[in-house]
Amino acid sequence: MEEPNKFTTERLKNRHGKLYLDYIQHAEGKTIVAPYSARGNDLGCIATPLFWEEVNGNLRPDLFTIPTVLERIKKVGRSFLTF
């Protein structure tokens, strides 16, 4: 793990202020996923937090691929992460 002081895979609740990464839930067909993580599909879609004003009938998963989310972060920042 590249940031052992920030992240852990320890399942117990005593994580000492670290963010828990549940990598098992990132497998194909799983419904629980962390923000900005890759989804299990061929499009390279990313689980992307949205602002309320972006939630509308025009949303499609293919709008949030690796390249488009990287560009989005450059423009609007990381709307969910604060560490």
PDB file of N, CA and C in Angstrom:
ATOM      1  N   MET A   1       0.853  -1.169   0.000  1.00  0.00           N
ATOM      2  CA  MET A   1       0.000   0.000   0.000  1.00  0.00           C
ATOM      3  C   MET A   1       0.904   1.239   0.000  1.00  0.00           C
ATOM      4  N   GLU A   2       0.582   2.211  -0.858  1.00  0.00           N
ATOM      5  CA  GLU A   2       1.440   3.378  -1.018  1.00  0.00           C
ATOM      6  C   GLU A   2       1.318   4.403   0.104  1.00  0.00           C
ATOM      7  N   GLU A   3       0.202   4.488   0.784  1.00  0.00           N
ATOM      8  CA  GLU A   3      -0.019   5.481   1.843  1.00  0.00           C
ATOM      9  C   GLU A   3      -0.446   4.789   3.141  1.00  0.00           C
ATOM     10  N   PRO A   4       0.440   4.015   3.768  1.00  0.00           N
ATOM     11  CA  PRO A   4       0.034   3.259   4.954  1.00  0.00           C
ATOM     12  C   PRO A   4      -0.380   4.127   6.133  1.00  0.00           C
ATOM     13  N   ASN A   5      -0.019   5.390   6.142  1.00  0.00           N
ATOM     14  CA  ASN A   5      -0.431   6.276   7.235  1.00  0.00           C
ATOM     15  C   ASN A   5      -1.837   6.829   7.043  1.00  0.00           C
ATOM     16  N   LYS A   6      -2.380   6.695   5.815  1.00  0.00           N
ATOM     17  CA  LYS A   6      -3.713   7.232   5.514  1.00  0.00           C
ATOM     18  C   LYS A   6      -4.769   6.156   5.315  1.00  0.00           C
ATOM     19  N   PHE A   7      -4.360   4.964   4.875  1.00  0.00           N
ATOM     20  CA  PHE A   7      -5.305   3.923   4.503  1.00  0.00           C
ATOM     21  C   PHE A   7      -4.996   2.615   5.220  1.00  0.00           C
ATOM     22  N   THR A   8      -6.027   1.787   5.363  1.00  0.00           N
ATOM     23  CA  THR A   8      -5.843   0.467   5.959  1.00  0.00           C
ATOM     24  C   THR A   8      -6.841  -0.513   5.336  1.00  0.00           C
ATOM     25  N   THR A   9      -6.510  -1.776   5.421  1.00  0.00           N
ATOM     26  CA  THR A   9      -7.449  -2.831   5.026  1.00  0.00           C
ATOM     27  C   THR A   9      -7.927  -3.583   6.263  1.00  0.00           C
ATOM     28  N   GLU A  10      -7.624  -3.061   7.430  1.00  0.00           N
ATOM     29  CA  GLU A  10      -8.043  -3.644   8.700  1.00  0.00           C
ATOM     30  C   GLU A  10      -9.562  -3.550   8.846  1.00  0.00           C
ATOM     31  N   ARG A  11     -10.228  -4.672   8.998  1.00  0.00           N
ATOM     32  CA  ARG A  11     -11.686  -4.693   9.078  1.00  0.00           C
ATOM     33  C   ARG A  11     -12.221  -4.303  10.449  1.00  0.00           C
ATOM     34  N   LEU A  12     -11.405  -4.422  11.493  1.00  0.00           N
ATOM     35  CA  LEU A  12     -11.860  -4.035  12.821  1.00  0.00           C
ATOM     36  C   LEU A  12     -12.051  -2.522  12.885  1.00  0.00           C
ATOM     37  N   LYS A  13     -12.911  -2.058  13.761  1.00  0.00           N
ATOM     38  CA  LYS A  13     -13.221  -0.635  13.824  1.00  0.00           C
ATOM     39  C   LYS A  13     -12.102   0.214  14.415  1.00  0.00           C
ATOM     40  N   ASN A  14     -11.114  -0.384  15.038  1.00  0.00           N
ATOM     41  CA  ASN A  14     -10.006   0.360  15.629  1.00  0.00           C
ATOM     42  C   ASN A  14      -8.953   0.639  14.541  1.00  0.00           C
ATOM     43  N   ARG A  15      -9.212   1.634  13.678  1.00  0.00           N
ATOM     44  CA  ARG A  15      -8.363   1.914  12.522  1.00  0.00           C
ATOM     45  C   ARG A  15      -7.445   3.103  12.739  1.00  0.00           C
ATOM     46  N   HIS A  16      -7.494   3.714  13.896  1.00  0.00           N
ATOM     47  CA  HIS A  16      -6.580   4.802  14.262  1.00  0.00           C
ATOM     48  C   HIS A  16      -6.602   5.959  13.255  1.00  0.00           C
ATOM     49  N   GLY A  17      -7.793   6.412  12.859  1.00  0.00           N
ATOM     50  CA  GLY A  17      -7.918   7.578  11.984  1.00  0.00           C
ATOM     51  C   GLY A  17      -7.600   7.336  10.522  1.00  0.00           C
ATOM     52  N   LYS A  18      -7.483   6.090  10.114  1.00  0.00           N
ATOM     53  CA  LYS A  18      -7.186   5.775   8.720  1.00  0.00           C
ATOM     54  C   LYS A  18      -8.480   5.474   7.964  1.00  0.00           C
ATOM     55  N   LEU A  19      -8.471   5.697   6.670  1.00  0.00           N
ATOM     56  CA  LEU A  19      -9.598   5.374   5.803  1.00  0.00           C
ATOM     57  C   LEU A  19      -9.538   3.892   5.458  1.00  0.00           C
ATOM     58  N   TYR A  20     -10.643   3.185   5.654  1.00  0.00           N
ATOM     59  CA  TYR A  20     -10.715   1.751   5.381  1.00  0.00           C
ATOM     60  C   TYR A  20     -10.964   1.505   3.900  1.00  0.00           C
ATOM     61  N   LEU A  21     -10.130   0.708   3.257  1.00  0.00           N
ATOM     62  CA  LEU A  21     -10.295   0.324   1.862  1.00  0.00           C
ATOM     63  C   LEU A  21     -10.803  -1.112   1.805  1.00  0.00           C
ATOM     64  N   ASP A  22     -12.038  -1.288   1.393  1.00  0.00           N
ATOM     65  CA  ASP A  22     -12.628  -2.616   1.293  1.00  0.00           C
ATOM     66  C   ASP A  22     -12.493  -3.095  -0.147  1.00  0.00           C
ATOM     67  N   TYR A  23     -11.303  -3.555  -0.506  1.00  0.00           N
ATOM     68  CA  TYR A  23     -11.015  -3.941  -1.883  1.00  0.00           C
ATOM     69  C   TYR A  23     -11.867  -5.110  -2.354  1.00  0.00           C
ATOM     70  N   ILE A  24     -12.383  -5.911  -1.447  1.00  0.00           N
ATOM     71  CA  ILE A  24     -13.229  -7.042  -1.834  1.00  0.00           C
ATOM     72  C   ILE A  24     -14.523  -6.544  -2.481  1.00  0.00           C
ATOM     73  N   GLN A  25     -15.012  -5.396  -2.057  1.00  0.00           N
ATOM     74  CA  GLN A  25     -16.262  -4.860  -2.594  1.00  0.00           C
ATOM     75  C   GLN A  25     -16.099  -4.223  -3.981  1.00  0.00           C
ATOM     76  N   HIS A  26     -14.896  -4.214  -4.525  1.00  0.00           N
ATOM     77  CA  HIS A  26     -14.665  -3.627  -5.844  1.00  0.00           C
ATOM     78  C   HIS A  26     -14.759  -4.647  -6.964  1.00  0.00           C
ATOM     79  N   ALA A  27     -15.061  -5.878  -6.665  1.00  0.00           N
ATOM     80  CA  ALA A  27     -15.155  -6.928  -7.671  1.00  0.00           C
ATOM     81  C   ALA A  27     -16.422  -6.756  -8.516  1.00  0.00           C
ATOM     82  N   GLU A  28     -16.411  -7.342  -9.677  1.00  0.00           N
ATOM     83  CA  GLU A  28     -17.562  -7.264 -10.581  1.00  0.00           C
ATOM     84  C   GLU A  28     -18.817  -7.782  -9.892  1.00  0.00           C
ATOM     85  N   GLY A  29     -19.917  -7.056 -10.048  1.00  0.00           N
ATOM     86  CA  GLY A  29     -21.198  -7.453  -9.485  1.00  0.00           C
ATOM     87  C   GLY A  29     -21.434  -6.948  -8.077  1.00  0.00           C
ATOM     88  N   LYS A  30     -20.441  -6.381  -7.437  1.00  0.00           N
ATOM     89  CA  LYS A  30     -20.616  -5.842  -6.092  1.00  0.00           C
ATOM     90  C   LYS A  30     -21.292  -4.471  -6.190  1.00  0.00           C
ATOM     91  N   THR A  31     -22.084  -4.144  -5.189  1.00  0.00           N
ATOM     92  CA  THR A  31     -22.838  -2.885  -5.240  1.00  0.00           C
ATOM     93  C   THR A  31     -22.256  -1.806  -4.339  1.00  0.00           C
ATOM     94  N   ILE A  32     -21.391  -2.174  -3.408  1.00  0.00           N
ATOM     95  CA  ILE A  32     -20.778  -1.183  -2.528  1.00  0.00           C
ATOM     96  C   ILE A  32     -19.435  -0.797  -3.136  1.00  0.00           C
ATOM     97  N   VAL A  33     -19.197   0.499  -3.260  1.00  0.00           N
ATOM     98  CA  VAL A  33     -17.948   0.944  -3.859  1.00  0.00           C
ATOM     99  C   VAL A  33     -17.565   2.297  -3.286  1.00  0.00           C
ATOM    100  N   ALA A  34     -16.300   2.585  -3.247  1.00  0.00           N
ATOM    101  CA  ALA A  34     -15.815   3.861  -2.729  1.00  0.00           C
ATOM    102  C   ALA A  34     -15.809   4.924  -3.822  1.00  0.00           C
ATOM    103  N   PRO A  35     -15.961   6.190  -3.453  1.00  0.00           N
ATOM    104  CA  PRO A  35     -15.874   7.269  -4.441  1.00  0.00           C
ATOM    105  C   PRO A  35     -14.544   7.238  -5.185  1.00  0.00           C
ATOM    106  N   TYR A  36     -14.606   7.540  -6.459  1.00  0.00           N
ATOM    107  CA  TYR A  36     -13.449   7.598  -7.354  1.00  0.00           C
ATOM    108  C   TYR A  36     -12.755   6.257  -7.530  1.00  0.00           C
ATOM    109  N   SER A  37     -13.488   5.176  -7.414  1.00  0.00           N
ATOM    110  CA  SER A  37     -12.891   3.873  -7.680  1.00  0.00           C
ATOM    111  C   SER A  37     -13.449   3.336  -8.999  1.00  0.00           C
ATOM    112  N   ALA A  38     -12.640   2.506  -9.644  1.00  0.00           N
ATOM    113  CA  ALA A  38     -13.048   1.928 -10.927  1.00  0.00           C
ATOM    114  C   ALA A  38     -14.149   0.898 -10.704  1.00  0.00           C
ATOM    115  N   ARG A  39     -15.118   0.910 -11.594  1.00  0.00           N
ATOM    116  CA  ARG A  39     -16.210  -0.055 -11.536  1.00  0.00           C
ATOM    117  C   ARG A  39     -15.852  -1.267 -12.379  1.00  0.00           C
ATOM    118  N   GLY A  40     -16.495  -2.387 -12.140  1.00  0.00           N
ATOM    119  CA  GLY A  40     -16.204  -3.620 -12.858  1.00  0.00           C
ATOM    120  C   GLY A  40     -16.938  -3.698 -14.176  1.00  0.00           C
ATOM    121  N   ASN A  41     -16.488  -2.925 -15.169  1.00  0.00           N
ATOM    122  CA  ASN A  41     -17.099  -2.991 -16.493  1.00  0.00           C
ATOM    123  C   ASN A  41     -16.063  -2.688 -17.563  1.00  0.00           C
ATOM    124  N   ASP A  42     -16.437  -2.886 -18.813  1.00  0.00           N
ATOM    125  CA  ASP A  42     -15.509  -2.692 -19.938  1.00  0.00           C
ATOM    126  C   ASP A  42     -15.296  -1.224 -20.303  1.00  0.00           C
ATOM    127  N   LEU A  43     -16.132  -0.323 -19.818  1.00  0.00           N
ATOM    128  CA  LEU A  43     -16.036   1.089 -20.195  1.00  0.00           C
ATOM    129  C   LEU A  43     -15.002   1.865 -19.382  1.00  0.00           C
ATOM    130  N   GLY A  44     -14.525   1.286 -18.311  1.00  0.00           N
ATOM    131  CA  GLY A  44     -13.604   2.023 -17.444  1.00  0.00           C
ATOM    132  C   GLY A  44     -14.315   3.113 -16.672  1.00  0.00           C
ATOM    133  N   CYS A  45     -15.554   2.853 -16.271  1.00  0.00           N
ATOM    134  CA  CYS A  45     -16.329   3.843 -15.531  1.00  0.00           C
ATOM    135  C   CYS A  45     -15.783   4.007 -14.118  1.00  0.00           C
ATOM    136  N   ILE A  46     -15.944   5.204 -13.579  1.00  0.00           N
ATOM    137  CA  ILE A  46     -15.463   5.545 -12.255  1.00  0.00           C
ATOM    138  C   ILE A  46     -16.649   5.955 -11.390  1.00  0.00           C
ATOM    139  N   ALA A  47     -16.706   5.463 -10.162  1.00  0.00           N
ATOM    140  CA  ALA A  47     -17.742   5.883  -9.209  1.00  0.00           C
ATOM    141  C   ALA A  47     -17.447   7.341  -8.843  1.00  0.00           C
ATOM    142  N   THR A  48     -18.297   8.249  -9.287  1.00  0.00           N
ATOM    143  CA  THR A  48     -18.020   9.680  -9.185  1.00  0.00           C
ATOM    144  C   THR A  48     -19.066  10.399  -8.353  1.00  0.00           C
ATOM    145  N   PRO A  49     -18.654  11.032  -7.261  1.00  0.00           N
ATOM    146  CA  PRO A  49     -19.602  11.857  -6.503  1.00  0.00           C
ATOM    147  C   PRO A  49     -20.071  13.029  -7.364  1.00  0.00           C
ATOM    148  N   LEU A  50     -21.337  13.372  -7.228  1.00  0.00           N
ATOM    149  CA  LEU A  50     -21.910  14.481  -7.989  1.00  0.00           C
ATOM    150  C   LEU A  50     -22.423  15.557  -7.053  1.00  0.00           C
ATOM    151  N   PHE A  51     -22.514  16.759  -7.573  1.00  0.00           N
ATOM    152  CA  PHE A  51     -23.204  17.825  -6.868  1.00  0.00           C
ATOM    153  C   PHE A  51     -24.697  17.666  -7.173  1.00  0.00           C
ATOM    154  N   TRP A  52     -25.567  18.079  -6.251  1.00  0.00           N
ATOM    155  CA  TRP A  52     -27.002  17.886  -6.436  1.00  0.00           C
ATOM    156  C   TRP A  52     -27.502  18.464  -7.750  1.00  0.00           C
ATOM    157  N   GLU A  53     -26.976  19.602  -8.164  1.00  0.00           N
ATOM    158  CA  GLU A  53     -27.449  20.225  -9.405  1.00  0.00           C
ATOM    159  C   GLU A  53     -27.098  19.404 -10.650  1.00  0.00           C
ATOM    160  N   GLU A  54     -26.198  18.432 -10.515  1.00  0.00           N
ATOM    161  CA  GLU A  54     -25.836  17.567 -11.643  1.00  0.00           C
ATOM    162  C   GLU A  54     -26.748  16.347 -11.766  1.00  0.00           C
ATOM    163  N   VAL A  55     -27.535  16.081 -10.750  1.00  0.00           N
ATOM    164  CA  VAL A  55     -28.408  14.902 -10.757  1.00  0.00           C
ATOM    165  C   VAL A  55     -29.664  15.235 -11.560  1.00  0.00           C
ATOM    166  N   ASN A  56     -29.762  14.620 -12.728  1.00  0.00           N
ATOM    167  CA  ASN A  56     -30.904  14.870 -13.619  1.00  0.00           C
ATOM    168  C   ASN A  56     -31.093  13.681 -14.552  1.00  0.00           C
ATOM    169  N   GLY A  57     -32.017  13.762 -15.444  1.00  0.00           N
ATOM    170  CA  GLY A  57     -32.349  12.670 -16.350  1.00  0.00           C
ATOM    171  C   GLY A  57     -31.318  12.417 -17.436  1.00  0.00           C
ATOM    172  N   ASN A  58     -30.295  13.258 -17.546  1.00  0.00           N
ATOM    173  CA  ASN A  58     -29.276  13.087 -18.582  1.00  0.00           C
ATOM    174  C   ASN A  58     -28.079  12.258 -18.129  1.00  0.00           C
ATOM    175  N   LEU A  59     -28.083  11.797 -16.896  1.00  0.00           N
ATOM    176  CA  LEU A  59     -26.941  11.042 -16.389  1.00  0.00           C
ATOM    177  C   LEU A  59     -26.857   9.666 -17.029  1.00  0.00           C
ATOM    178  N   ARG A  60     -25.616   9.280 -17.372  1.00  0.00           N
ATOM    179  CA  ARG A  60     -25.327   7.946 -17.895  1.00  0.00           C
ATOM    180  C   ARG A  60     -23.968   7.525 -17.349  1.00  0.00           C
ATOM    181  N   PRO A  61     -23.774   6.266 -16.991  1.00  0.00           N
ATOM    182  CA  PRO A  61     -22.483   5.831 -16.466  1.00  0.00           C
ATOM    183  C   PRO A  61     -21.311   6.128 -17.401  1.00  0.00           C
ATOM    184  N   ASP A  62     -21.539   6.044 -18.715  1.00  0.00           N
ATOM    185  CA  ASP A  62     -20.436   6.255 -19.657  1.00  0.00           C
ATOM    186  C   ASP A  62     -19.941   7.701 -19.700  1.00  0.00           C
ATOM    187  N   LEU A  63     -20.602   8.609 -18.993  1.00  0.00           N
ATOM    188  CA  LEU A  63     -20.115   9.986 -18.885  1.00  0.00           C
ATOM    189  C   LEU A  63     -18.965  10.096 -17.892  1.00  0.00           C
ATOM    190  N   PHE A  64     -18.737   9.057 -17.104  1.00  0.00           N
ATOM    191  CA  PHE A  64     -17.756   9.101 -16.026  1.00  0.00           C
ATOM    192  C   PHE A  64     -16.714   7.998 -16.198  1.00  0.00           C
ATOM    193  N   THR A  65     -15.906   8.135 -17.231  1.00  0.00           N
ATOM    194  CA  THR A  65     -14.819   7.197 -17.506  1.00  0.00           C
ATOM    195  C   THR A  65     -13.524   7.750 -16.905  1.00  0.00           C
ATOM    196  N   ILE A  66     -12.479   6.968 -16.959  1.00  0.00           N
ATOM    197  CA  ILE A  66     -11.208   7.412 -16.393  1.00  0.00           C
ATOM    198  C   ILE A  66     -10.783   8.765 -16.964  1.00  0.00           C
ATOM    199  N   PRO A  67     -10.738   8.947 -18.293  1.00  0.00           N
ATOM    200  CA  PRO A  67     -10.304  10.246 -18.821  1.00  0.00           C
ATOM    201  C   PRO A  67     -11.243  11.395 -18.445  1.00  0.00           C
ATOM    202  N   THR A  68     -12.558  11.161 -18.492  1.00  0.00           N
ATOM    203  CA  THR A  68     -13.478  12.270 -18.204  1.00  0.00           C
ATOM    204  C   THR A  68     -13.464  12.644 -16.722  1.00  0.00           C
ATOM    205  N   VAL A  69     -13.270  11.670 -15.846  1.00  0.00           N
ATOM    206  CA  VAL A  69     -13.221  11.978 -14.416  1.00  0.00           C
ATOM    207  C   VAL A  69     -11.918  12.701 -14.064  1.00  0.00           C
ATOM    208  N   LEU A  70     -10.816  12.321 -14.693  1.00  0.00           N
ATOM    209  CA  LEU A  70      -9.563  13.049 -14.465  1.00  0.00           C
ATOM    210  C   LEU A  70      -9.713  14.516 -14.875  1.00  0.00           C
ATOM    211  N   GLU A  71     -10.356  14.751 -16.005  1.00  0.00           N
ATOM    212  CA  GLU A  71     -10.599  16.130 -16.459  1.00  0.00           C
ATOM    213  C   GLU A  71     -11.551  16.848 -15.508  1.00  0.00           C
ATOM    214  N   ARG A  72     -12.561  16.155 -15.044  1.00  0.00           N
ATOM    215  CA  ARG A  72     -13.521  16.733 -14.102  1.00  0.00           C
ATOM    216  C   ARG A  72     -12.822  17.180 -12.816  1.00  0.00           C
ATOM    217  N   ILE A  73     -11.929  16.346 -12.286  1.00  0.00           N
ATOM    218  CA  ILE A  73     -11.208  16.695 -11.061  1.00  0.00           C
ATOM    219  C   ILE A  73     -10.360  17.945 -11.276  1.00  0.00           C
ATOM    220  N   LYS A  74      -9.758  18.077 -12.452  1.00  0.00           N
ATOM    221  CA  LYS A  74      -8.982  19.291 -12.755  1.00  0.00           C
ATOM    222  C   LYS A  74      -9.867  20.534 -12.730  1.00  0.00           C
ATOM    223  N   LYS A  75     -11.110  20.400 -13.210  1.00  0.00           N
ATOM    224  CA  LYS A  75     -12.025  21.545 -13.320  1.00  0.00           C
ATOM    225  C   LYS A  75     -12.740  21.873 -12.020  1.00  0.00           C
ATOM    226  N   VAL A  76     -13.326  20.854 -11.344  1.00  0.00           N
ATOM    227  CA  VAL A  76     -14.167  21.124 -10.175  1.00  0.00           C
ATOM    228  C   VAL A  76     -13.584  20.623  -8.861  1.00  0.00           C
ATOM    229  N   GLY A  77     -12.448  19.941  -8.922  1.00  0.00           N
ATOM    230  CA  GLY A  77     -11.836  19.405  -7.707  1.00  0.00           C
ATOM    231  C   GLY A  77     -12.434  18.065  -7.332  1.00  0.00           C
ATOM    232  N   ARG A  78     -11.968  17.546  -6.225  1.00  0.00           N
ATOM    233  CA  ARG A  78     -12.456  16.264  -5.730  1.00  0.00           C
ATOM    234  C   ARG A  78     -13.546  16.547  -4.715  1.00  0.00           C
ATOM    235  N   SER A  79     -14.778  16.454  -5.136  1.00  0.00           N
ATOM    236  CA  SER A  79     -15.901  16.885  -4.323  1.00  0.00           C
ATOM    237  C   SER A  79     -16.170  16.027  -3.097  1.00  0.00           C
ATOM    238  N   PHE A  80     -15.434  14.958  -2.912  1.00  0.00           N
ATOM    239  CA  PHE A  80     -15.721  14.059  -1.794  1.00  0.00           C
ATOM    240  C   PHE A  80     -14.522  13.902  -0.856  1.00  0.00           C
ATOM    241  N   LEU A  81     -13.319  13.929  -1.387  1.00  0.00           N
ATOM    242  CA  LEU A  81     -12.128  13.653  -0.598  1.00  0.00           C
ATOM    243  C   LEU A  81     -11.586  14.913   0.060  1.00  0.00           C
ATOM    244  N   THR A  82     -11.239  14.795   1.332  1.00  0.00           N
ATOM    245  CA  THR A  82     -10.726  15.960   2.046  1.00  0.00           C
ATOM    246  C   THR A  82      -9.509  15.639   2.901  1.00  0.00           C
ATOM    247  N   PHE A  83      -8.736  14.634   2.539  1.00  0.00           N
ATOM    248  CA  PHE A  83      -7.557  14.328   3.356  1.00  0.00           C
ATOM    249  C   PHE A  83      -6.295  14.722   2.655  1.00  0.00           C
TER     250      PHE A  83
END
